[in-house]
Amino acid sequence: MTIGISIALILSSCLMVLLVLLHKGKGGGLTDMFGGGFASSFGGSSVVERNLDRLTVITGVVWFVCIIALGLLLKP
C-alpha cells in the first residue's frame, strides 16, 4: 500500500514541476527559456491556459492526498 502511494507521490511531484514550468510567466524566466516556442504558439489561447490551470490544480490535490495518506500510514 505504501509503495503504491509513494510511486503516486513521485509521479505527481514530477508532473507538478513540469506543469508549473509550462505556465505563462509574467516576465522573463524559466518559461521563456524552456517554453518559448510553446508559449508563442499556444500562449494566446485561453482554453489551453484554463486546461493547464485545471490540470495543475488536480495534480496538486493528488500530491496533497498522497502526502496525507503516507503521513497517516507511516505514523508510529
N, C-alpha and C. Protein backbone atom coordinates (compact mmCIF):
# COMPACT_ATOMS: atom_id res chain seq x y z
N MET A 1 0.82 -1.20 0.00
CA MET A 1 0.00 0.00 0.00
C MET A 1 0.87 1.26 0.00
N THR A 2 1.86 1.27 0.89
CA THR A 2 2.72 2.47 0.96
C THR A 2 3.59 2.61 -0.28
N ILE A 3 3.94 1.48 -0.90
CA ILE A 3 4.76 1.56 -2.10
C ILE A 3 3.97 2.22 -3.24
N GLY A 4 2.71 1.84 -3.38
CA GLY A 4 1.87 2.43 -4.41
C GLY A 4 1.66 3.92 -4.20
N ILE A 5 1.44 4.32 -2.96
CA ILE A 5 1.27 5.75 -2.66
C ILE A 5 2.57 6.50 -2.87
N SER A 6 3.68 5.86 -2.54
CA SER A 6 4.99 6.50 -2.76
C SER A 6 5.25 6.72 -4.26
N ILE A 7 4.90 5.74 -5.06
CA ILE A 7 5.07 5.88 -6.51
C ILE A 7 4.17 6.98 -7.05
N ALA A 8 2.92 7.03 -6.56
CA ALA A 8 2.00 8.09 -6.99
C ALA A 8 2.52 9.46 -6.57
N LEU A 9 3.15 9.53 -5.39
CA LEU A 9 3.73 10.79 -4.92
C LEU A 9 4.89 11.24 -5.81
N ILE A 10 5.73 10.32 -6.18
CA ILE A 10 6.87 10.65 -7.04
C ILE A 10 6.39 11.12 -8.42
N LEU A 11 5.43 10.40 -8.99
CA LEU A 11 4.91 10.77 -10.31
C LEU A 11 4.19 12.12 -10.27
N SER A 12 3.39 12.34 -9.23
CA SER A 12 2.68 13.62 -9.14
C SER A 12 3.65 14.77 -8.87
N SER A 13 4.72 14.52 -8.16
CA SER A 13 5.72 15.57 -7.92
C SER A 13 6.41 15.97 -9.22
N CYS A 14 6.80 14.98 -10.01
CA CYS A 14 7.45 15.28 -11.29
C CYS A 14 6.50 15.99 -12.24
N LEU A 15 5.25 15.54 -12.28
CA LEU A 15 4.26 16.18 -13.14
C LEU A 15 3.97 17.60 -12.69
N MET A 16 3.97 17.84 -11.38
CA MET A 16 3.72 19.18 -10.85
C MET A 16 4.83 20.15 -11.27
N VAL A 17 6.07 19.69 -11.20
CA VAL A 17 7.19 20.53 -11.63
C VAL A 17 7.06 20.87 -13.10
N LEU A 18 6.74 19.89 -13.92
CA LEU A 18 6.58 20.12 -15.35
C LEU A 18 5.45 21.10 -15.64
N LEU A 19 4.31 20.93 -14.97
CA LEU A 19 3.17 21.80 -15.22
C LEU A 19 3.43 23.23 -14.77
N VAL A 20 4.10 23.40 -13.66
CA VAL A 20 4.41 24.76 -13.19
C VAL A 20 5.36 25.45 -14.15
N LEU A 21 6.32 24.70 -14.70
CA LEU A 21 7.24 25.30 -15.66
C LEU A 21 6.56 25.66 -16.98
N LEU A 22 5.46 24.99 -17.32
CA LEU A 22 4.76 25.29 -18.56
C LEU A 22 3.87 26.53 -18.46
N HIS A 23 3.58 26.97 -17.24
CA HIS A 23 2.71 28.14 -17.09
C HIS A 23 3.35 29.38 -17.68
N LYS A 24 2.50 30.26 -18.16
CA LYS A 24 2.97 31.51 -18.76
C LYS A 24 3.49 32.42 -17.67
N GLY A 25 4.70 32.91 -17.84
CA GLY A 25 5.30 33.78 -16.85
C GLY A 25 4.89 35.23 -17.04
N LYS A 26 5.07 36.01 -15.99
CA LYS A 26 4.76 37.44 -16.08
C LYS A 26 5.93 38.22 -16.66
N GLY A 27 7.07 37.61 -16.68
CA GLY A 27 8.25 38.27 -17.23
C GLY A 27 9.20 37.21 -17.74
N GLY A 28 10.47 37.55 -17.88
CA GLY A 28 11.46 36.57 -18.29
C GLY A 28 11.67 35.55 -17.19
N GLY A 29 12.17 34.41 -17.54
CA GLY A 29 12.41 33.37 -16.55
C GLY A 29 12.44 32.01 -17.21
N LEU A 30 12.14 30.99 -16.43
CA LEU A 30 12.21 29.63 -16.94
C LEU A 30 11.19 29.37 -18.04
N THR A 31 10.05 30.05 -17.98
CA THR A 31 9.05 29.85 -19.02
C THR A 31 9.59 30.27 -20.37
N ASP A 32 10.29 31.40 -20.42
CA ASP A 32 10.84 31.87 -21.69
C ASP A 32 12.02 31.01 -22.15
N MET A 33 12.79 30.49 -21.20
CA MET A 33 13.94 29.67 -21.58
C MET A 33 13.51 28.33 -22.15
N PHE A 34 12.59 27.63 -21.47
CA PHE A 34 12.22 26.28 -21.89
C PHE A 34 10.99 26.25 -22.78
N GLY A 35 10.04 27.13 -22.54
CA GLY A 35 8.78 27.05 -23.26
C GLY A 35 8.56 28.18 -24.24
N GLY A 36 9.61 28.73 -24.78
CA GLY A 36 9.48 29.87 -25.69
C GLY A 36 8.64 29.56 -26.91
N GLY A 37 8.91 28.43 -27.58
CA GLY A 37 8.13 28.06 -28.75
C GLY A 37 6.71 27.66 -28.40
N PHE A 38 6.56 26.96 -27.31
CA PHE A 38 5.22 26.53 -26.87
C PHE A 38 4.39 27.73 -26.47
N ALA A 39 4.99 28.66 -25.76
CA ALA A 39 4.24 29.83 -25.30
C ALA A 39 3.85 30.74 -26.46
N SER A 40 4.70 30.81 -27.47
CA SER A 40 4.37 31.70 -28.58
C SER A 40 3.26 31.13 -29.46
N SER A 41 3.19 29.80 -29.57
CA SER A 41 2.17 29.23 -30.44
C SER A 41 0.84 29.02 -29.74
N PHE A 42 0.87 28.74 -28.44
CA PHE A 42 -0.36 28.47 -27.71
C PHE A 42 -0.65 29.50 -26.63
N GLY A 43 0.17 30.52 -26.50
CA GLY A 43 0.03 31.47 -25.41
C GLY A 43 -1.24 32.30 -25.45
N GLY A 44 -1.78 32.56 -26.63
CA GLY A 44 -2.95 33.39 -26.72
C GLY A 44 -4.25 32.66 -26.49
N SER A 45 -4.20 31.35 -26.44
CA SER A 45 -5.42 30.56 -26.29
C SER A 45 -5.79 30.45 -24.82
N SER A 46 -6.94 30.98 -24.48
CA SER A 46 -7.37 30.92 -23.09
C SER A 46 -7.82 29.52 -22.71
N VAL A 47 -8.25 28.72 -23.69
CA VAL A 47 -8.67 27.35 -23.40
C VAL A 47 -7.49 26.52 -22.93
N VAL A 48 -6.36 26.68 -23.58
CA VAL A 48 -5.16 25.95 -23.20
C VAL A 48 -4.71 26.37 -21.80
N GLU A 49 -4.75 27.65 -21.52
CA GLU A 49 -4.34 28.13 -20.20
C GLU A 49 -5.27 27.62 -19.11
N ARG A 50 -6.58 27.62 -19.38
CA ARG A 50 -7.54 27.12 -18.39
C ARG A 50 -7.35 25.63 -18.15
N ASN A 51 -7.12 24.86 -19.21
CA ASN A 51 -6.89 23.43 -19.06
C ASN A 51 -5.60 23.15 -18.30
N LEU A 52 -4.57 23.95 -18.56
CA LEU A 52 -3.31 23.80 -17.84
C LEU A 52 -3.51 24.13 -16.36
N ASP A 53 -4.29 25.16 -16.06
CA ASP A 53 -4.59 25.50 -14.68
C ASP A 53 -5.34 24.37 -13.98
N ARG A 54 -6.33 23.82 -14.66
CA ARG A 54 -7.12 22.72 -14.07
C ARG A 54 -6.25 21.50 -13.81
N LEU A 55 -5.42 21.16 -14.77
CA LEU A 55 -4.54 20.00 -14.61
C LEU A 55 -3.54 20.21 -13.47
N THR A 56 -3.05 21.44 -13.32
CA THR A 56 -2.13 21.75 -12.23
C THR A 56 -2.82 21.63 -10.88
N VAL A 57 -4.05 22.12 -10.78
CA VAL A 57 -4.79 22.02 -9.51
C VAL A 57 -5.10 20.57 -9.17
N ILE A 58 -5.52 19.79 -10.16
CA ILE A 58 -5.82 18.37 -9.92
C ILE A 58 -4.56 17.63 -9.48
N THR A 59 -3.44 17.91 -10.12
CA THR A 59 -2.18 17.28 -9.74
C THR A 59 -1.77 17.69 -8.33
N GLY A 60 -2.00 18.95 -7.98
CA GLY A 60 -1.69 19.41 -6.63
C GLY A 60 -2.55 18.73 -5.58
N VAL A 61 -3.81 18.50 -5.89
CA VAL A 61 -4.69 17.80 -4.95
C VAL A 61 -4.25 16.35 -4.77
N VAL A 62 -3.89 15.69 -5.87
CA VAL A 62 -3.40 14.31 -5.79
C VAL A 62 -2.12 14.26 -4.96
N TRP A 63 -1.22 15.21 -5.17
CA TRP A 63 0.03 15.28 -4.42
C TRP A 63 -0.26 15.46 -2.92
N PHE A 64 -1.19 16.35 -2.60
CA PHE A 64 -1.53 16.62 -1.20
C PHE A 64 -2.15 15.39 -0.54
N VAL A 65 -3.03 14.70 -1.25
CA VAL A 65 -3.66 13.49 -0.70
C VAL A 65 -2.61 12.40 -0.47
N CYS A 66 -1.66 12.26 -1.38
CA CYS A 66 -0.58 11.28 -1.19
C CYS A 66 0.26 11.60 0.04
N ILE A 67 0.55 12.87 0.26
CA ILE A 67 1.33 13.28 1.43
C ILE A 67 0.58 12.93 2.71
N ILE A 68 -0.72 13.27 2.75
CA ILE A 68 -1.52 12.98 3.95
C ILE A 68 -1.63 11.47 4.17
N ALA A 69 -1.87 10.71 3.11
CA ALA A 69 -2.01 9.26 3.24
C ALA A 69 -0.71 8.62 3.74
N LEU A 70 0.41 9.05 3.20
CA LEU A 70 1.69 8.49 3.68
C LEU A 70 1.95 8.89 5.13
N GLY A 71 1.59 10.10 5.48
CA GLY A 71 1.77 10.53 6.88
C GLY A 71 0.93 9.71 7.84
N LEU A 72 -0.29 9.38 7.44
CA LEU A 72 -1.15 8.56 8.31
C LEU A 72 -0.70 7.10 8.35
N LEU A 73 -0.24 6.57 7.23
CA LEU A 73 0.18 5.18 7.19
C LEU A 73 1.51 4.95 7.89
N LEU A 74 2.39 5.91 7.86
CA LEU A 74 3.72 5.74 8.45
C LEU A 74 3.82 6.28 9.88
N LYS A 75 2.67 6.68 10.44
CA LYS A 75 2.65 7.20 11.81
C LYS A 75 2.99 6.07 12.77
N PRO A 76 3.89 6.34 13.74
CA PRO A 76 4.28 5.27 14.67
C PRO A 76 3.15 4.83 15.60
